[in-house]
Amino acid sequence: MQENLELHLNFDQQYRKDTNLRVIRKIFQEVGYIQDYLNVYPEVCIYKKSEDGRWVKLQIGGPLFLCVVQNQTDLTLFLLNNTQTNEESSFYKKLNPQTRYAIQGNQLYIKTDQESDMVYSFHDERDVQDLISKLRDHYSQIVTNDENELRVLQDPTLQRLAKRVQQ
């Protein structure tokens, strides 16, 4: 009986994951083939810094997926917008070794060279810590012999965040 229940739960989880991947792949076709996602965070909303320096909540919120895109070493965040609005629907952000992160409670501040500051506000502080942990694990596994070797773990900001997550 217990074995049947576990098989059913495993099947149900795999079915949900496959369904999520089909939806993400369909919406974000221009990004490339999304192989898998490392985790999903159920409730995330986005804030962006306005021209006057204030944080403005965008009408974008819903589940956030941390994904692996085929033939890319960097991870990508995909947010499926489930708010009722006429503004942008869904949203994605490619991460790279130069991406800067900072945590404050349940908020993750992200800065890339190409874009302005953004804040991802999670429902639960543990989700932020989990995301940073997965980023740290992913980038620490990448080894190249190229002179442009990924140097995420040498980034002082990410090192501090990684230590904070481990505590």
N, C-alpha and C. Protein backbone atom coordinates (compact mmCIF):
# COMPACT_ATOMS: atom_id res chain seq x y z
N MET A 1 0.83 -1.19 0.00
CA MET A 1 0.00 0.00 0.00
C MET A 1 0.87 1.26 0.00
N GLN A 2 1.85 1.32 0.90
CA GLN A 2 2.76 2.46 0.99
C GLN A 2 3.53 2.63 -0.32
N GLU A 3 3.97 1.49 -0.90
CA GLU A 3 4.72 1.53 -2.15
C GLU A 3 3.87 2.10 -3.28
N ASN A 4 2.60 1.70 -3.34
CA ASN A 4 1.70 2.21 -4.38
C ASN A 4 1.49 3.71 -4.23
N LEU A 5 1.37 4.17 -3.00
CA LEU A 5 1.18 5.59 -2.74
C LEU A 5 2.41 6.38 -3.20
N GLU A 6 3.60 5.87 -2.89
CA GLU A 6 4.84 6.54 -3.30
C GLU A 6 4.96 6.58 -4.82
N LEU A 7 4.61 5.48 -5.50
CA LEU A 7 4.65 5.46 -6.96
C LEU A 7 3.69 6.48 -7.54
N HIS A 8 2.50 6.56 -6.96
CA HIS A 8 1.50 7.52 -7.43
C HIS A 8 2.00 8.95 -7.23
N LEU A 9 2.58 9.24 -6.07
CA LEU A 9 3.09 10.58 -5.79
C LEU A 9 4.23 10.94 -6.74
N ASN A 10 5.14 9.98 -6.98
CA ASN A 10 6.25 10.23 -7.90
C ASN A 10 5.75 10.49 -9.32
N PHE A 11 4.74 9.70 -9.74
CA PHE A 11 4.15 9.90 -11.06
C PHE A 11 3.50 11.28 -11.15
N ASP A 12 2.77 11.65 -10.11
CA ASP A 12 2.09 12.95 -10.08
C ASP A 12 3.09 14.10 -10.15
N GLN A 13 4.19 14.00 -9.40
CA GLN A 13 5.22 15.04 -9.43
C GLN A 13 5.86 15.14 -10.81
N GLN A 14 6.16 14.00 -11.42
CA GLN A 14 6.77 14.01 -12.75
C GLN A 14 5.80 14.56 -13.78
N TYR A 15 4.52 14.23 -13.66
CA TYR A 15 3.50 14.75 -14.57
C TYR A 15 3.42 16.27 -14.47
N ARG A 16 3.41 16.80 -13.24
CA ARG A 16 3.37 18.25 -13.05
C ARG A 16 4.62 18.92 -13.62
N LYS A 17 5.77 18.29 -13.40
CA LYS A 17 7.01 18.86 -13.92
C LYS A 17 7.00 18.88 -15.45
N ASP A 18 6.57 17.78 -16.07
CA ASP A 18 6.49 17.72 -17.53
C ASP A 18 5.52 18.77 -18.07
N THR A 19 4.40 18.94 -17.40
CA THR A 19 3.41 19.94 -17.82
C THR A 19 4.00 21.34 -17.71
N ASN A 20 4.65 21.63 -16.58
CA ASN A 20 5.29 22.95 -16.41
C ASN A 20 6.32 23.21 -17.50
N LEU A 21 7.14 22.22 -17.81
CA LEU A 21 8.16 22.39 -18.85
C LEU A 21 7.52 22.66 -20.21
N ARG A 22 6.43 21.95 -20.54
CA ARG A 22 5.75 22.19 -21.81
C ARG A 22 5.25 23.63 -21.90
N VAL A 23 4.68 24.13 -20.81
CA VAL A 23 4.16 25.50 -20.79
C VAL A 23 5.30 26.50 -20.94
N ILE A 24 6.37 26.33 -20.17
CA ILE A 24 7.51 27.26 -20.24
C ILE A 24 8.12 27.24 -21.64
N ARG A 25 8.29 26.05 -22.20
CA ARG A 25 8.88 25.94 -23.54
C ARG A 25 8.03 26.65 -24.59
N LYS A 26 6.72 26.54 -24.45
CA LYS A 26 5.82 27.16 -25.42
C LYS A 26 5.86 28.69 -25.32
N ILE A 27 5.84 29.21 -24.10
CA ILE A 27 5.81 30.66 -23.90
C ILE A 27 7.15 31.30 -24.25
N PHE A 28 8.23 30.63 -23.93
CA PHE A 28 9.57 31.23 -24.09
C PHE A 28 10.36 30.55 -25.21
N GLN A 29 9.74 30.31 -26.35
CA GLN A 29 10.41 29.63 -27.46
C GLN A 29 11.67 30.35 -27.93
N GLU A 30 11.66 31.69 -27.86
CA GLU A 30 12.79 32.48 -28.38
C GLU A 30 14.07 32.29 -27.57
N VAL A 31 13.96 31.78 -26.36
CA VAL A 31 15.13 31.63 -25.48
C VAL A 31 15.98 30.43 -25.88
N GLY A 32 15.36 29.42 -26.43
CA GLY A 32 16.03 28.17 -26.76
C GLY A 32 15.31 27.03 -26.08
N TYR A 33 15.83 25.83 -26.25
CA TYR A 33 15.18 24.65 -25.69
C TYR A 33 15.48 24.56 -24.19
N ILE A 34 14.45 24.61 -23.39
CA ILE A 34 14.59 24.53 -21.94
C ILE A 34 14.64 23.05 -21.56
N GLN A 35 15.81 22.61 -21.10
CA GLN A 35 16.00 21.20 -20.78
C GLN A 35 15.26 20.79 -19.52
N ASP A 36 15.40 21.61 -18.48
CA ASP A 36 14.87 21.21 -17.17
C ASP A 36 14.79 22.44 -16.29
N TYR A 37 14.08 22.30 -15.18
CA TYR A 37 14.17 23.34 -14.17
C TYR A 37 14.65 22.74 -12.87
N LEU A 38 15.46 23.52 -12.17
CA LEU A 38 16.06 23.04 -10.92
C LEU A 38 15.11 23.20 -9.75
N ASN A 39 14.24 24.21 -9.84
CA ASN A 39 13.23 24.40 -8.79
C ASN A 39 12.20 25.39 -9.27
N VAL A 40 11.06 25.36 -8.60
CA VAL A 40 10.01 26.34 -8.85
C VAL A 40 9.68 27.00 -7.52
N TYR A 41 9.51 28.31 -7.56
CA TYR A 41 9.17 29.09 -6.37
C TYR A 41 7.77 29.65 -6.64
N PRO A 42 6.78 29.24 -5.84
CA PRO A 42 5.37 29.46 -6.20
C PRO A 42 4.89 30.90 -6.27
N GLU A 43 5.39 31.78 -5.42
CA GLU A 43 4.87 33.14 -5.40
C GLU A 43 6.02 34.15 -5.40
N VAL A 44 6.21 34.80 -6.53
CA VAL A 44 7.25 35.81 -6.66
C VAL A 44 6.67 37.00 -7.42
N CYS A 45 6.99 38.20 -6.95
CA CYS A 45 6.62 39.40 -7.71
C CYS A 45 7.89 40.21 -7.96
N ILE A 46 7.82 41.10 -8.94
CA ILE A 46 8.98 41.83 -9.42
C ILE A 46 8.84 43.32 -9.13
N TYR A 47 9.94 43.91 -8.65
CA TYR A 47 10.04 45.36 -8.48
C TYR A 47 11.20 45.84 -9.35
N LYS A 48 11.05 47.04 -9.89
CA LYS A 48 12.11 47.62 -10.71
C LYS A 48 12.35 49.05 -10.24
N LYS A 49 13.60 49.46 -10.30
CA LYS A 49 13.95 50.81 -9.87
C LYS A 49 13.52 51.81 -10.95
N SER A 50 12.77 52.82 -10.52
CA SER A 50 12.30 53.84 -11.46
C SER A 50 13.41 54.86 -11.70
N GLU A 51 13.16 55.77 -12.62
CA GLU A 51 14.16 56.79 -12.94
C GLU A 51 14.47 57.69 -11.76
N ASP A 52 13.49 57.87 -10.86
CA ASP A 52 13.74 58.72 -9.68
C ASP A 52 14.31 57.93 -8.50
N GLY A 53 14.66 56.65 -8.74
CA GLY A 53 15.32 55.85 -7.71
C GLY A 53 14.41 55.09 -6.77
N ARG A 54 13.09 55.19 -6.96
CA ARG A 54 12.15 54.46 -6.10
C ARG A 54 11.88 53.08 -6.69
N TRP A 55 11.57 52.13 -5.79
CA TRP A 55 11.20 50.79 -6.22
C TRP A 55 9.72 50.78 -6.57
N VAL A 56 9.40 50.28 -7.76
CA VAL A 56 8.03 50.23 -8.24
C VAL A 56 7.66 48.78 -8.50
N LYS A 57 6.55 48.35 -7.91
CA LYS A 57 6.08 46.99 -8.13
C LYS A 57 5.47 46.89 -9.52
N LEU A 58 5.99 45.95 -10.31
CA LEU A 58 5.44 45.72 -11.64
C LEU A 58 4.22 44.81 -11.52
N GLN A 59 3.39 44.83 -12.52
CA GLN A 59 2.21 43.96 -12.52
C GLN A 59 2.59 42.58 -13.06
N ILE A 60 3.65 42.04 -12.48
CA ILE A 60 4.15 40.72 -12.87
C ILE A 60 4.33 39.92 -11.59
N GLY A 61 3.65 38.80 -11.51
CA GLY A 61 3.78 37.94 -10.34
C GLY A 61 3.28 36.55 -10.65
N GLY A 62 3.87 35.57 -9.99
CA GLY A 62 3.47 34.18 -10.20
C GLY A 62 4.63 33.26 -9.88
N PRO A 63 4.56 32.03 -10.40
CA PRO A 63 5.63 31.07 -10.13
C PRO A 63 6.91 31.42 -10.90
N LEU A 64 8.04 31.26 -10.22
CA LEU A 64 9.36 31.53 -10.80
C LEU A 64 10.09 30.20 -10.94
N PHE A 65 10.61 29.94 -12.14
CA PHE A 65 11.33 28.70 -12.42
C PHE A 65 12.80 29.02 -12.66
N LEU A 66 13.68 28.26 -12.03
CA LEU A 66 15.12 28.35 -12.27
C LEU A 66 15.47 27.25 -13.26
N CYS A 67 15.84 27.64 -14.49
CA CYS A 67 15.93 26.68 -15.59
C CYS A 67 17.32 26.55 -16.19
N VAL A 68 17.52 25.38 -16.79
CA VAL A 68 18.71 25.08 -17.58
C VAL A 68 18.27 25.10 -19.04
N VAL A 69 18.92 25.94 -19.85
CA VAL A 69 18.63 26.03 -21.28
C VAL A 69 19.71 25.27 -22.02
N GLN A 70 19.29 24.47 -23.00
CA GLN A 70 20.22 23.63 -23.76
C GLN A 70 21.34 24.47 -24.38
N ASN A 71 22.56 23.93 -24.30
CA ASN A 71 23.77 24.55 -24.87
C ASN A 71 24.15 25.87 -24.21
N GLN A 72 23.69 26.11 -22.99
CA GLN A 72 24.06 27.31 -22.25
C GLN A 72 24.56 26.89 -20.87
N THR A 73 25.65 27.49 -20.43
CA THR A 73 26.15 27.18 -19.09
C THR A 73 25.45 28.02 -18.03
N ASP A 74 24.90 29.16 -18.45
CA ASP A 74 24.24 30.04 -17.49
C ASP A 74 22.79 29.61 -17.28
N LEU A 75 22.27 29.94 -16.12
CA LEU A 75 20.89 29.62 -15.78
C LEU A 75 19.98 30.79 -16.16
N THR A 76 18.70 30.50 -16.28
CA THR A 76 17.72 31.52 -16.62
C THR A 76 16.54 31.41 -15.68
N LEU A 77 16.05 32.57 -15.23
CA LEU A 77 14.84 32.63 -14.41
C LEU A 77 13.66 32.93 -15.32
N PHE A 78 12.59 32.15 -15.17
CA PHE A 78 11.36 32.37 -15.93
C PHE A 78 10.23 32.59 -14.94
N LEU A 79 9.50 33.67 -15.10
CA LEU A 79 8.36 33.95 -14.24
C LEU A 79 7.10 33.92 -15.10
N LEU A 80 6.16 33.04 -14.74
CA LEU A 80 4.89 32.95 -15.45
C LEU A 80 3.90 33.87 -14.76
N ASN A 81 3.54 34.94 -15.42
CA ASN A 81 2.67 35.95 -14.84
C ASN A 81 1.25 35.41 -14.69
N ASN A 82 0.74 35.47 -13.46
CA ASN A 82 -0.65 35.07 -13.26
C ASN A 82 -1.49 36.22 -12.71
N THR A 83 -1.00 37.46 -12.89
CA THR A 83 -1.79 38.62 -12.49
C THR A 83 -2.69 39.03 -13.64
N GLN A 84 -3.82 39.60 -13.32
CA GLN A 84 -4.77 40.04 -14.34
C GLN A 84 -4.42 41.47 -14.75
N THR A 85 -3.69 41.61 -15.83
CA THR A 85 -3.25 42.93 -16.27
C THR A 85 -3.01 42.94 -17.77
N ASN A 86 -2.95 44.11 -18.32
CA ASN A 86 -2.65 44.25 -19.74
C ASN A 86 -1.18 44.53 -19.98
N GLU A 87 -0.40 44.63 -18.91
CA GLU A 87 1.04 44.89 -19.05
C GLU A 87 1.75 43.61 -19.48
N GLU A 88 3.07 43.64 -19.40
CA GLU A 88 3.86 42.47 -19.78
C GLU A 88 3.25 41.21 -19.17
N SER A 89 3.27 40.15 -19.94
CA SER A 89 2.70 38.93 -19.38
C SER A 89 3.75 38.15 -18.61
N SER A 90 4.55 37.39 -19.27
CA SER A 90 5.55 36.60 -18.57
C SER A 90 6.91 37.25 -18.76
N PHE A 91 7.90 36.74 -18.03
CA PHE A 91 9.15 37.46 -17.89
C PHE A 91 10.28 36.46 -17.74
N TYR A 92 11.44 36.75 -18.32
CA TYR A 92 12.61 35.91 -18.06
C TYR A 92 13.85 36.77 -17.91
N LYS A 93 14.82 36.22 -17.20
CA LYS A 93 16.09 36.93 -16.97
C LYS A 93 17.21 35.90 -17.02
N LYS A 94 18.14 36.14 -17.95
CA LYS A 94 19.32 35.28 -18.05
C LYS A 94 20.32 35.73 -17.00
N LEU A 95 20.85 34.77 -16.28
CA LEU A 95 21.86 35.05 -15.26
C LEU A 95 23.22 34.71 -15.85
N ASN A 96 24.24 35.34 -15.33
CA ASN A 96 25.59 35.05 -15.79
C ASN A 96 26.55 35.26 -14.62
N PRO A 97 27.80 34.90 -14.80
CA PRO A 97 28.75 35.03 -13.69
C PRO A 97 28.93 36.46 -13.19
N GLN A 98 28.62 37.45 -14.02
CA GLN A 98 28.77 38.83 -13.59
C GLN A 98 27.53 39.36 -12.86
N THR A 99 26.48 38.58 -12.81
CA THR A 99 25.26 39.00 -12.13
C THR A 99 25.56 39.20 -10.65
N ARG A 100 25.08 40.29 -10.09
CA ARG A 100 25.28 40.61 -8.67
C ARG A 100 23.99 40.33 -7.92
N TYR A 101 24.13 39.77 -6.72
CA TYR A 101 22.98 39.40 -5.91
C TYR A 101 23.13 40.00 -4.51
N ALA A 102 22.01 40.29 -3.91
CA ALA A 102 21.98 40.69 -2.50
C ALA A 102 20.64 40.22 -1.94
N ILE A 103 20.65 39.83 -0.68
CA ILE A 103 19.44 39.33 -0.02
C ILE A 103 19.08 40.27 1.11
N GLN A 104 17.79 40.55 1.21
CA GLN A 104 17.26 41.27 2.37
C GLN A 104 15.92 40.64 2.68
N GLY A 105 15.90 39.80 3.72
CA GLY A 105 14.67 39.11 4.09
C GLY A 105 14.21 38.19 2.97
N ASN A 106 12.98 38.43 2.50
CA ASN A 106 12.44 37.58 1.44
C ASN A 106 12.66 38.20 0.05
N GLN A 107 13.55 39.16 -0.04
CA GLN A 107 13.79 39.84 -1.31
C GLN A 107 15.20 39.56 -1.83
N LEU A 108 15.25 39.29 -3.13
CA LEU A 108 16.52 39.05 -3.81
C LEU A 108 16.74 40.18 -4.80
N TYR A 109 17.81 40.94 -4.59
CA TYR A 109 18.18 42.03 -5.48
C TYR A 109 19.12 41.47 -6.54
N ILE A 110 18.82 41.74 -7.80
CA ILE A 110 19.63 41.23 -8.90
C ILE A 110 20.05 42.40 -9.78
N LYS A 111 21.34 42.42 -10.11
CA LYS A 111 21.88 43.47 -10.98
C LYS A 111 22.74 42.80 -12.04
N THR A 112 22.41 43.06 -13.30
CA THR A 112 23.27 42.62 -14.40
C THR A 112 23.83 43.87 -15.06
N ASP A 113 24.89 43.68 -15.81
CA ASP A 113 25.52 44.83 -16.46
C ASP A 113 24.61 45.50 -17.48
N GLN A 114 23.77 44.71 -18.15
CA GLN A 114 22.96 45.25 -19.22
C GLN A 114 21.67 45.92 -18.73
N GLU A 115 21.21 45.58 -17.56
CA GLU A 115 19.90 46.05 -17.13
C GLU A 115 19.98 46.75 -15.78
N SER A 116 18.92 47.46 -15.47
CA SER A 116 18.86 48.15 -14.19
C SER A 116 18.56 47.16 -13.08
N ASP A 117 18.64 47.65 -11.86
CA ASP A 117 18.37 46.80 -10.70
C ASP A 117 16.95 46.27 -10.73
N MET A 118 16.80 45.04 -10.24
CA MET A 118 15.48 44.44 -10.09
C MET A 118 15.44 43.74 -8.74
N VAL A 119 14.25 43.65 -8.19
CA VAL A 119 14.05 42.92 -6.94
C VAL A 119 13.00 41.85 -7.19
N TYR A 120 13.33 40.65 -6.76
CA TYR A 120 12.39 39.54 -6.79
C TYR A 120 11.93 39.36 -5.36
N SER A 121 10.65 39.55 -5.12
CA SER A 121 10.10 39.41 -3.78
C SER A 121 9.42 38.05 -3.67
N PHE A 122 9.96 37.19 -2.81
CA PHE A 122 9.46 35.83 -2.64
C PHE A 122 8.47 35.79 -1.48
N HIS A 123 7.59 34.81 -1.51
CA HIS A 123 6.64 34.63 -0.43
C HIS A 123 7.36 34.21 0.85
N ASP A 124 8.42 33.42 0.69
CA ASP A 124 9.11 32.83 1.84
C ASP A 124 10.62 33.10 1.73
N GLU A 125 11.21 33.54 2.81
CA GLU A 125 12.64 33.83 2.86
C GLU A 125 13.48 32.60 2.51
N ARG A 126 12.99 31.41 2.87
CA ARG A 126 13.73 30.18 2.57
C ARG A 126 13.87 29.95 1.07
N ASP A 127 12.89 30.44 0.29
CA ASP A 127 12.98 30.30 -1.16
C ASP A 127 14.16 31.09 -1.72
N VAL A 128 14.40 32.27 -1.19
CA VAL A 128 15.54 33.09 -1.62
C VAL A 128 16.83 32.34 -1.32
N GLN A 129 16.94 31.80 -0.13
CA GLN A 129 18.14 31.07 0.26
C GLN A 129 18.34 29.84 -0.61
N ASP A 130 17.24 29.15 -0.94
CA ASP A 130 17.32 27.97 -1.79
C ASP A 130 17.81 28.35 -3.19
N LEU A 131 17.29 29.43 -3.73
CA LEU A 131 17.70 29.89 -5.06
C LEU A 131 19.19 30.21 -5.09
N ILE A 132 19.67 30.96 -4.13
CA ILE A 132 21.10 31.30 -4.07
C ILE A 132 21.94 30.04 -3.93
N SER A 133 21.48 29.10 -3.13
CA SER A 133 22.20 27.84 -2.96
C SER A 133 22.30 27.08 -4.28
N LYS A 134 21.21 27.04 -5.03
CA LYS A 134 21.22 26.35 -6.32
C LYS A 134 22.13 27.06 -7.33
N LEU A 135 22.14 28.38 -7.31
CA LEU A 135 23.06 29.13 -8.18
C LEU A 135 24.50 28.81 -7.83
N ARG A 136 24.80 28.81 -6.53
CA ARG A 136 26.16 28.51 -6.08
C ARG A 136 26.56 27.10 -6.51
N ASP A 137 25.67 26.14 -6.30
CA ASP A 137 25.98 24.76 -6.68
C ASP A 137 26.19 24.63 -8.19
N HIS A 138 25.34 25.26 -8.96
CA HIS A 138 25.44 25.16 -10.42
C HIS A 138 26.76 25.73 -10.92
N TYR A 139 27.08 26.93 -10.50
CA TYR A 139 28.29 27.56 -11.02
C TYR A 139 29.56 26.95 -10.46
N SER A 140 29.52 26.34 -9.31
CA SER A 140 30.72 25.71 -8.77
C SER A 140 31.03 24.41 -9.51
N GLN A 141 30.03 23.84 -10.21
CA GLN A 141 30.24 22.59 -10.95
C GLN A 141 30.80 22.84 -12.35
N ILE A 142 30.76 24.08 -12.80
CA ILE A 142 31.22 24.40 -14.15
C ILE A 142 32.73 24.61 -14.12
N VAL A 143 33.42 23.84 -14.92
CA VAL A 143 34.87 23.97 -15.01
C VAL A 143 35.22 24.11 -16.49
N THR A 144 35.98 25.14 -16.82
CA THR A 144 36.43 25.30 -18.20
C THR A 144 37.93 25.57 -18.19
N ASN A 145 38.56 25.32 -19.30
CA ASN A 145 39.98 25.62 -19.45
C ASN A 145 40.17 26.90 -20.24
N ASP A 146 39.10 27.55 -20.55
CA ASP A 146 39.12 28.79 -21.32
C ASP A 146 39.64 29.92 -20.44
N GLU A 147 40.29 30.90 -21.04
CA GLU A 147 40.76 32.04 -20.24
C GLU A 147 39.60 32.88 -19.73
N ASN A 148 38.42 32.70 -20.30
CA ASN A 148 37.22 33.38 -19.81
C ASN A 148 36.48 32.53 -18.78
N GLU A 149 37.22 31.76 -18.04
CA GLU A 149 36.64 30.84 -17.06
C GLU A 149 35.66 31.57 -16.14
N LEU A 150 34.56 30.91 -15.88
CA LEU A 150 33.56 31.49 -15.00
C LEU A 150 34.14 31.68 -13.61
N ARG A 151 33.99 32.87 -13.08
CA ARG A 151 34.61 33.20 -11.81
C ARG A 151 33.57 33.61 -10.77
N VAL A 152 32.46 32.89 -10.78
CA VAL A 152 31.37 33.24 -9.87
C VAL A 152 31.82 33.15 -8.42
N LEU A 153 32.53 32.09 -8.09
CA LEU A 153 32.89 31.90 -6.69
C LEU A 153 33.94 32.91 -6.23
N GLN A 154 34.56 33.63 -7.16
CA GLN A 154 35.49 34.67 -6.76
C GLN A 154 34.79 36.02 -6.60
N ASP A 155 33.54 36.08 -6.94
CA ASP A 155 32.75 37.31 -6.77
C ASP A 155 32.50 37.49 -5.28
N PRO A 156 32.99 38.57 -4.65
CA PRO A 156 32.84 38.75 -3.21
C PRO A 156 31.38 38.81 -2.75
N THR A 157 30.52 39.38 -3.58
CA THR A 157 29.10 39.45 -3.21
C THR A 157 28.51 38.05 -3.12
N LEU A 158 28.77 37.23 -4.13
CA LEU A 158 28.23 35.88 -4.13
C LEU A 158 28.87 35.04 -3.03
N GLN A 159 30.15 35.26 -2.73
CA GLN A 159 30.79 34.53 -1.64
C GLN A 159 30.10 34.83 -0.31
N ARG A 160 29.79 36.11 -0.07
CA ARG A 160 29.10 36.47 1.18
C ARG A 160 27.72 35.83 1.23
N LEU A 161 27.02 35.86 0.10
CA LEU A 161 25.68 35.26 0.07
C LEU A 161 25.75 33.75 0.28
N ALA A 162 26.75 33.12 -0.32
CA ALA A 162 26.89 31.68 -0.15
C ALA A 162 27.16 31.32 1.31
N LYS A 163 28.01 32.11 1.97
CA LYS A 163 28.28 31.86 3.39
C LYS A 163 27.02 32.06 4.22
N ARG A 164 26.26 33.08 3.87
CA ARG A 164 25.03 33.37 4.61
C ARG A 164 24.02 32.23 4.46
N VAL A 165 23.94 31.66 3.26
CA VAL A 165 23.01 30.56 3.01
C VAL A 165 23.43 29.32 3.79
N GLN A 166 24.75 29.08 3.88
CA GLN A 166 25.24 27.89 4.57
C GLN A 166 25.00 27.95 6.07
N GLN A 167 24.87 29.14 6.63
CA GLN A 167 24.70 29.28 8.09
C GLN A 167 23.31 28.91 8.53
